[in-house]
Amino acid sequence: MIDESGTSSTYSENSAVHENKEPRDGGSKEAEEKAGAVIPIVQLDAAINMNGTSTSLGMNAPDEQSNSSSTKEEKEEVYAVTDQTHYIVDMLKTACSKKRDTLEEMKVAACLAYEFVTKNNKELQSIKEKYTKYSCDYNLDCKKTDVLKEKIETYYRNTNNITRIPEGKDAEYEKEMKEIGTLYEKICDAKEDKQTALDEYIKAGKDGIEIEKNSNISGEDTLKHYSHAIEEEKALLSTIKYDLKLFKIIYNRDQLLYLVKGKEKWYYIEDENKTELLDEILKLHENRIEYLYNGINRLEDMFSIQKNALYIAEEVYSAYKAHYMATYMYKKEKELRKYIPSGFQSPLETWV
């Protein structure tokens, strides 16, 4: 008897909604909205070292081959500051030299960094709109698959529909039946991984809401928002990855079921009643395999789109951090000039 018990949920990330469903169950869980993680102001100094080399921003690069942190943790990779942020940092380094108009350079750097923030935010919004379209198509495929799933389960629950080939008649058939059993076990494991990833995504949304509730309108709070947005994008990417893994295993299992039912039909070719039953289940499996295949394609598209969304979210964070650094240095330099006599070197000129 076929059994694919699982869960499905609906959760939002930025402007997009992804209804994370297995090809069976209905129901939904709504993830919470997003926010950010704390980045103390003292960490700004670590963004540029004394040799002029930009260090990491402390975020982890996505790895579609790795498992979630709750299943198979791997060492987190730290991604570097983006090229656009390097450009802003170079401007700040120049501004903090004795040879240039420090205030003007810092002001230009701050404005340019904010332009990058605005540009990347618009691009991220466009990506999420595209993601929403693909996720809606995916949900439609899931609904069609669910209908067929119920019909197939009803068929297998009927003991009058048993058409298994007797043992010892077909060795290859017996091997395939054992493989089907193995795939059932893999499906159960994949569901656990998927649920873990989904729980982490929901938790990230709830954490974001709490951070947002306790935040004020400030540069540091905006950094928290953009930082946590990255974590939510990564969590969403993980849920898609495990959905995709689950779909592929179910797809392989259903293809094997279709194959063995075809062999059963030929074995009972002279039994009209059994061949009619087998024609019925073969048609159901054939249609379901098609919908599963479509679902896999949708998920692969969604995974690719979400990887891009994560990258742009990192760009937004990097650009805003550069803007924050430039603004901070500009204000400090401006304040210092009120008290430092003409001809003296500003402390900020030795900051980098």
Protein backbone atom coordinates (compact mmCIF):
# COMPACT_ATOMS: atom_id res chain seq x y z
CA MET A 1 0.00 0.00 0.00
CA ILE A 2 1.32 3.44 -0.89
CA ASP A 3 2.00 5.81 2.00
CA GLU A 4 3.49 9.28 1.67
CA SER A 5 2.24 11.09 4.72
CA GLY A 6 3.75 14.55 5.02
CA THR A 7 3.06 18.20 5.53
CA SER A 8 2.51 21.25 3.42
CA SER A 9 2.78 24.87 4.28
CA THR A 10 2.49 28.37 2.99
CA TYR A 11 5.04 30.90 4.05
CA SER A 12 6.21 34.27 2.84
CA GLU A 13 9.65 35.66 2.16
CA ASN A 14 9.86 39.35 1.29
CA SER A 15 7.17 39.80 -1.38
CA ALA A 16 6.97 36.16 -2.44
CA VAL A 17 4.79 33.33 -1.21
CA HIS A 18 5.98 29.77 -1.51
CA GLU A 19 3.47 27.03 -0.78
CA ASN A 20 5.77 24.26 0.27
CA LYS A 21 3.84 21.06 -0.48
CA GLU A 22 4.56 17.43 -0.90
CA PRO A 23 2.63 15.73 -3.67
CA ARG A 24 -0.02 14.57 -1.29
CA ASP A 25 -1.14 16.53 1.69
CA GLY A 26 -3.15 19.68 1.97
CA GLY A 27 -3.03 22.13 4.83
CA SER A 28 -0.66 25.00 5.41
CA LYS A 29 1.56 26.79 7.90
CA GLU A 30 2.10 30.52 7.59
CA ALA A 31 5.58 31.70 8.34
CA GLU A 32 6.04 35.05 9.92
CA GLU A 33 7.43 38.22 8.39
CA LYS A 34 11.08 39.10 8.23
CA ALA A 35 13.52 41.34 10.11
CA GLY A 36 17.21 41.40 11.12
CA ALA A 37 20.08 40.32 13.37
CA VAL A 38 22.23 42.53 15.59
CA ILE A 39 25.46 43.97 14.22
CA PRO A 40 27.16 46.19 16.85
CA ILE A 41 28.66 49.43 15.63
CA VAL A 42 32.10 48.39 16.86
CA GLN A 43 32.17 45.76 14.14
CA LEU A 44 32.44 48.47 11.52
CA ASP A 45 36.13 48.85 12.26
CA ALA A 46 36.69 45.21 11.35
CA ALA A 47 35.33 45.75 7.87
CA ILE A 48 38.62 47.30 6.71
CA ASN A 49 42.04 46.20 7.91
CA MET A 50 45.25 48.18 8.17
CA ASN A 51 46.54 46.84 4.87
CA GLY A 52 43.49 47.91 2.95
CA THR A 53 42.02 44.43 2.54
CA SER A 54 38.30 44.11 3.07
CA THR A 55 37.31 41.30 5.42
CA SER A 56 34.14 39.25 5.33
CA LEU A 57 30.79 40.59 6.44
CA GLY A 58 30.15 37.51 8.53
CA MET A 59 27.49 35.93 6.30
CA ASN A 60 27.49 32.38 4.99
CA ALA A 61 27.52 31.49 1.33
CA PRO A 62 24.71 29.20 0.14
CA ASP A 63 25.65 25.60 -0.61
CA GLU A 64 22.97 23.62 -2.44
CA GLN A 65 24.93 20.39 -1.96
CA SER A 66 25.07 20.65 1.84
CA ASN A 67 22.39 19.53 4.28
CA SER A 68 20.63 21.86 6.73
CA SER A 69 22.32 22.79 10.01
CA SER A 70 19.95 20.53 11.92
CA THR A 71 20.70 17.42 9.84
CA LYS A 72 24.25 17.38 8.47
CA GLU A 73 26.15 20.49 9.48
CA GLU A 74 29.09 21.49 7.37
CA LYS A 75 31.63 24.20 7.94
CA GLU A 76 30.11 27.56 7.01
CA GLU A 77 31.80 29.52 4.25
CA VAL A 78 32.19 33.25 4.70
CA TYR A 79 31.54 35.33 1.64
CA ALA A 80 33.60 38.39 0.80
CA VAL A 81 32.54 41.98 0.51
CA THR A 82 31.07 42.58 -2.94
CA ASP A 83 32.87 44.47 -5.69
CA GLN A 84 30.63 47.49 -5.30
CA THR A 85 31.46 47.64 -1.59
CA HIS A 86 35.17 47.37 -2.38
CA TYR A 87 34.71 50.46 -4.52
CA ILE A 88 33.11 52.36 -1.64
CA VAL A 89 35.84 51.19 0.74
CA ASP A 90 38.52 52.42 -1.67
CA MET A 91 36.84 55.82 -1.72
CA LEU A 92 36.87 55.91 2.08
CA LYS A 93 40.55 54.95 2.17
CA THR A 94 41.34 57.79 -0.21
CA ALA A 95 39.17 60.18 1.77
CA CYS A 96 41.07 59.35 4.95
CA SER A 97 44.41 60.39 3.45
CA LYS A 98 45.99 63.81 3.92
CA LYS A 99 45.91 64.56 0.22
CA ARG A 100 42.17 64.77 -0.41
CA ASP A 101 39.13 66.67 0.80
CA THR A 102 38.05 64.15 3.41
CA LEU A 103 34.52 65.41 3.99
CA GLU A 104 33.62 65.65 0.31
CA GLU A 105 34.96 62.18 -0.47
CA MET A 106 33.11 60.65 2.46
CA LYS A 107 29.88 62.32 1.44
CA VAL A 108 30.20 61.05 -2.14
CA ALA A 109 30.97 57.55 -0.90
CA ALA A 110 27.90 57.53 1.36
CA CYS A 111 25.61 58.70 -1.45
CA LEU A 112 26.99 56.23 -3.95
CA ALA A 113 26.61 53.35 -1.51
CA TYR A 114 22.99 54.26 -0.92
CA GLU A 115 22.39 54.31 -4.67
CA PHE A 116 23.63 50.71 -4.73
CA VAL A 117 21.22 49.86 -1.91
CA THR A 118 18.26 51.31 -3.81
CA LYS A 119 19.24 49.64 -7.08
CA ASN A 120 19.71 46.22 -5.48
CA ASN A 121 16.47 46.48 -3.52
CA LYS A 122 14.58 47.07 -6.75
CA GLU A 123 16.30 44.10 -8.37
CA LEU A 124 15.48 41.92 -5.37
CA GLN A 125 11.82 42.93 -5.58
CA SER A 126 11.75 41.96 -9.26
CA ILE A 127 13.33 38.58 -8.49
CA LYS A 128 10.80 37.85 -5.75
CA GLU A 129 7.92 38.69 -8.08
CA LYS A 130 9.29 36.19 -10.57
CA TYR A 131 9.65 33.64 -7.80
CA THR A 132 6.01 34.14 -6.80
CA LYS A 133 4.84 33.34 -10.32
CA TYR A 134 6.82 30.10 -10.42
CA SER A 135 5.65 29.08 -6.95
CA CYS A 136 2.01 29.60 -7.97
CA ASP A 137 2.50 27.30 -10.97
CA TYR A 138 4.19 24.79 -8.68
CA ASN A 139 1.23 24.85 -6.29
CA LEU A 140 -1.15 24.10 -9.15
CA ASP A 141 0.96 21.09 -10.12
CA CYS A 142 0.85 19.92 -6.50
CA LYS A 143 -2.94 20.12 -6.41
CA LYS A 144 -3.21 18.00 -9.55
CA THR A 145 -0.76 15.52 -8.11
CA ASP A 146 -2.72 15.36 -4.85
CA VAL A 147 -5.89 14.34 -6.69
CA LEU A 148 -4.10 11.48 -8.40
CA LYS A 149 -2.42 10.51 -5.15
CA GLU A 150 -5.79 9.96 -3.47
CA LYS A 151 -7.02 7.85 -6.37
CA ILE A 152 -3.87 5.72 -6.31
CA GLU A 153 -4.11 5.21 -2.55
CA THR A 154 -7.75 4.20 -2.89
CA TYR A 155 -6.77 1.64 -5.51
CA TYR A 156 -4.04 0.07 -3.36
CA ARG A 157 -6.24 -0.05 -0.25
CA ASN A 158 -8.61 -2.38 -2.08
CA THR A 159 -7.37 -5.94 -1.42
CA ASN A 160 -9.23 -7.12 -4.53
CA ASN A 161 -6.72 -5.17 -6.62
CA ILE A 162 -3.67 -7.23 -5.59
CA THR A 163 -1.91 -8.44 -8.75
CA ARG A 164 1.60 -9.24 -7.58
CA ILE A 165 3.57 -11.79 -9.60
CA PRO A 166 4.19 -14.96 -7.54
CA GLU A 167 7.65 -15.30 -5.99
CA GLY A 168 10.21 -17.14 -8.08
CA LYS A 169 8.59 -16.25 -11.40
CA ASP A 170 10.57 -13.08 -12.19
CA ALA A 171 13.87 -12.32 -10.43
CA GLU A 172 14.16 -8.82 -11.91
CA TYR A 173 10.63 -8.04 -10.77
CA GLU A 174 11.51 -9.12 -7.20
CA LYS A 175 14.59 -6.91 -7.24
CA GLU A 176 12.52 -3.91 -8.35
CA MET A 177 9.94 -4.55 -5.63
CA LYS A 178 12.72 -4.47 -3.01
CA GLU A 179 14.02 -1.22 -4.48
CA ILE A 180 10.54 0.28 -4.14
CA GLY A 181 10.65 -0.60 -0.43
CA THR A 182 14.04 1.09 -0.10
CA LEU A 183 12.70 4.22 -1.77
CA TYR A 184 9.84 4.34 0.72
CA GLU A 185 12.43 4.54 3.51
CA LYS A 186 14.31 7.30 1.69
CA ILE A 187 11.05 9.21 1.29
CA CYS A 188 10.55 9.12 5.07
CA ASP A 189 14.08 10.43 5.67
CA ALA A 190 13.63 13.17 3.07
CA LYS A 191 10.41 14.28 4.74
CA GLU A 192 12.21 14.68 8.05
CA ASP A 193 14.92 16.81 6.41
CA LYS A 194 12.28 18.88 4.68
CA GLN A 195 10.32 19.45 7.88
CA THR A 196 13.47 20.47 9.73
CA ALA A 197 14.28 23.04 7.03
CA LEU A 198 10.70 24.30 7.08
CA ASP A 199 10.74 24.67 10.87
CA GLU A 200 13.97 26.66 10.64
CA TYR A 201 12.45 28.95 8.03
CA ILE A 202 9.37 29.56 10.16
CA LYS A 203 11.58 30.24 13.18
CA ALA A 204 13.64 32.72 11.17
CA GLY A 205 10.45 34.58 10.31
CA LYS A 206 9.32 34.68 13.93
CA ASP A 207 12.76 35.82 15.08
CA GLY A 208 12.59 38.57 12.50
CA ILE A 209 9.28 39.82 13.87
CA GLU A 210 10.72 40.01 17.38
CA ILE A 211 13.78 41.90 16.17
CA GLU A 212 11.57 44.30 14.23
CA LYS A 213 9.36 44.95 17.26
CA ASN A 214 12.36 45.95 19.34
CA SER A 215 14.03 48.11 16.70
CA ASN A 216 14.08 51.86 16.15
CA ILE A 217 14.53 53.80 12.94
CA SER A 218 18.33 54.01 12.80
CA GLY A 219 21.26 52.91 10.71
CA GLU A 220 22.09 50.09 13.10
CA ASP A 221 18.52 48.79 13.01
CA THR A 222 18.53 48.89 9.23
CA LEU A 223 21.71 46.80 9.28
CA LYS A 224 19.94 44.33 11.55
CA HIS A 225 17.05 44.16 9.10
CA TYR A 226 19.24 43.51 6.06
CA SER A 227 21.37 41.00 7.95
CA HIS A 228 18.39 38.97 9.07
CA ALA A 229 16.85 39.17 5.60
CA ILE A 230 19.85 37.19 4.37
CA GLU A 231 19.19 34.49 6.96
CA GLU A 232 15.58 34.21 5.84
CA GLU A 233 16.55 33.98 2.18
CA LYS A 234 18.98 31.18 3.09
CA ALA A 235 16.29 29.37 5.08
CA LEU A 236 13.84 29.60 2.17
CA LEU A 237 16.48 28.24 -0.19
CA SER A 238 16.96 25.29 2.14
CA THR A 239 13.25 24.43 2.14
CA ILE A 240 13.20 24.43 -1.66
CA LYS A 241 16.28 22.21 -1.75
CA TYR A 242 14.67 19.58 0.45
CA ASP A 243 11.36 19.79 -1.38
CA LEU A 244 13.28 19.09 -4.56
CA LYS A 245 15.10 16.16 -2.97
CA LEU A 246 11.79 14.67 -1.79
CA PHE A 247 10.09 15.11 -5.17
CA LYS A 248 12.92 13.35 -6.98
CA ILE A 249 12.77 10.33 -4.68
CA ILE A 250 8.98 10.08 -5.03
CA TYR A 251 9.33 10.45 -8.79
CA ASN A 252 11.83 7.56 -8.92
CA ARG A 253 9.60 5.42 -6.73
CA ASP A 254 6.55 6.07 -8.91
CA GLN A 255 8.47 5.23 -12.06
CA LEU A 256 9.38 1.87 -10.54
CA LEU A 257 5.76 1.27 -9.53
CA TYR A 258 4.71 1.99 -13.11
CA LEU A 259 7.35 -0.45 -14.36
CA VAL A 260 6.35 -3.35 -12.08
CA LYS A 261 2.66 -2.83 -12.79
CA GLY A 262 3.47 -3.10 -16.49
CA LYS A 263 5.19 -6.41 -15.85
CA GLU A 264 2.20 -7.61 -13.85
CA LYS A 265 -0.09 -6.76 -16.74
CA TRP A 266 1.93 -8.90 -19.14
CA TYR A 267 2.09 -11.74 -16.63
CA TYR A 268 -1.72 -11.72 -16.29
CA ILE A 269 -2.37 -10.85 -19.95
CA GLU A 270 -4.91 -13.67 -20.27
CA ASP A 271 -6.82 -12.59 -17.16
CA GLU A 272 -9.25 -9.93 -18.41
CA ASN A 273 -10.27 -8.71 -14.94
CA LYS A 274 -6.69 -8.21 -13.76
CA THR A 275 -5.58 -6.54 -16.97
CA GLU A 276 -8.45 -4.05 -16.65
CA LEU A 277 -7.40 -3.29 -13.08
CA LEU A 278 -3.78 -2.90 -14.11
CA ASP A 279 -4.71 -0.62 -17.01
CA GLU A 280 -6.47 1.60 -14.49
CA ILE A 281 -3.53 1.89 -12.09
CA LEU A 282 -1.02 2.24 -14.94
CA LYS A 283 -2.91 5.25 -16.26
CA LEU A 284 -3.01 6.84 -12.81
CA HIS A 285 0.73 6.32 -12.33
CA GLU A 286 1.49 7.64 -15.80
CA ASN A 287 -0.42 10.87 -15.16
CA ARG A 288 1.06 11.33 -11.71
CA ILE A 289 4.60 10.83 -12.99
CA GLU A 290 3.98 13.61 -15.49
CA TYR A 291 2.84 16.01 -12.75
CA LEU A 292 5.74 15.03 -10.52
CA TYR A 293 8.11 15.76 -13.39
CA ASN A 294 6.53 19.18 -13.84
CA GLY A 295 6.83 19.82 -10.12
CA ILE A 296 10.52 18.97 -10.18
CA ASN A 297 11.09 21.41 -13.02
CA ARG A 298 9.22 24.14 -11.14
CA LEU A 299 11.25 23.52 -8.00
CA GLU A 300 14.51 23.64 -9.93
CA ASP A 301 13.47 26.99 -11.39
CA MET A 302 12.48 28.24 -7.94
CA PHE A 303 15.78 27.07 -6.48
CA SER A 304 17.72 28.95 -9.16
CA ILE A 305 15.64 32.11 -8.66
CA GLN A 306 16.01 31.93 -4.89
CA LYS A 307 19.79 31.51 -5.14
CA ASN A 308 19.83 34.75 -7.09
CA ALA A 309 17.58 36.39 -4.49
CA LEU A 310 20.01 35.37 -1.75
CA TYR A 311 22.93 36.82 -3.69
CA ILE A 312 21.15 40.15 -4.18
CA ALA A 313 20.13 40.23 -0.51
CA GLU A 314 23.83 39.93 0.33
CA GLU A 315 24.54 42.77 -2.10
CA VAL A 316 21.95 44.95 -0.37
CA TYR A 317 23.49 44.26 3.01
CA SER A 318 27.03 44.93 1.77
CA ALA A 319 26.06 48.18 0.09
CA TYR A 320 24.16 49.44 3.12
CA LYS A 321 27.04 48.57 5.41
CA ALA A 322 29.35 50.61 3.17
CA HIS A 323 26.83 53.46 3.28
CA TYR A 324 26.67 53.20 7.05
CA MET A 325 30.47 53.27 7.37
CA ALA A 326 30.77 56.26 5.06
CA THR A 327 28.03 58.19 6.85
CA TYR A 328 29.52 57.39 10.24
CA MET A 329 32.99 58.53 9.20
CA TYR A 330 31.61 61.67 7.56
CA LYS A 331 29.78 62.71 10.72
CA LYS A 332 32.77 61.98 12.94
CA GLU A 333 35.16 63.90 10.69
CA LYS A 334 32.77 66.83 10.50
CA GLU A 335 32.46 66.89 14.27
CA LEU A 336 36.23 66.67 14.78
CA ARG A 337 36.86 69.63 12.48
CA LYS A 338 35.03 71.84 14.93
CA TYR A 339 37.77 71.27 17.47
CA ILE A 340 40.97 70.44 15.53
CA PRO A 341 43.04 73.51 14.56
CA SER A 342 43.85 74.01 10.90
CA GLY A 343 46.96 72.11 9.82
CA PHE A 344 46.58 69.30 12.34
CA GLN A 345 45.96 65.75 11.16
CA SER A 346 42.51 64.35 11.85
CA PRO A 347 42.46 61.08 13.82
CA LEU A 348 40.29 59.61 11.08
CA GLU A 349 43.15 60.11 8.61
CA THR A 350 44.93 57.18 10.27
CA TRP A 351 41.80 55.06 10.61
CA VAL A 352 42.73 52.90 7.62
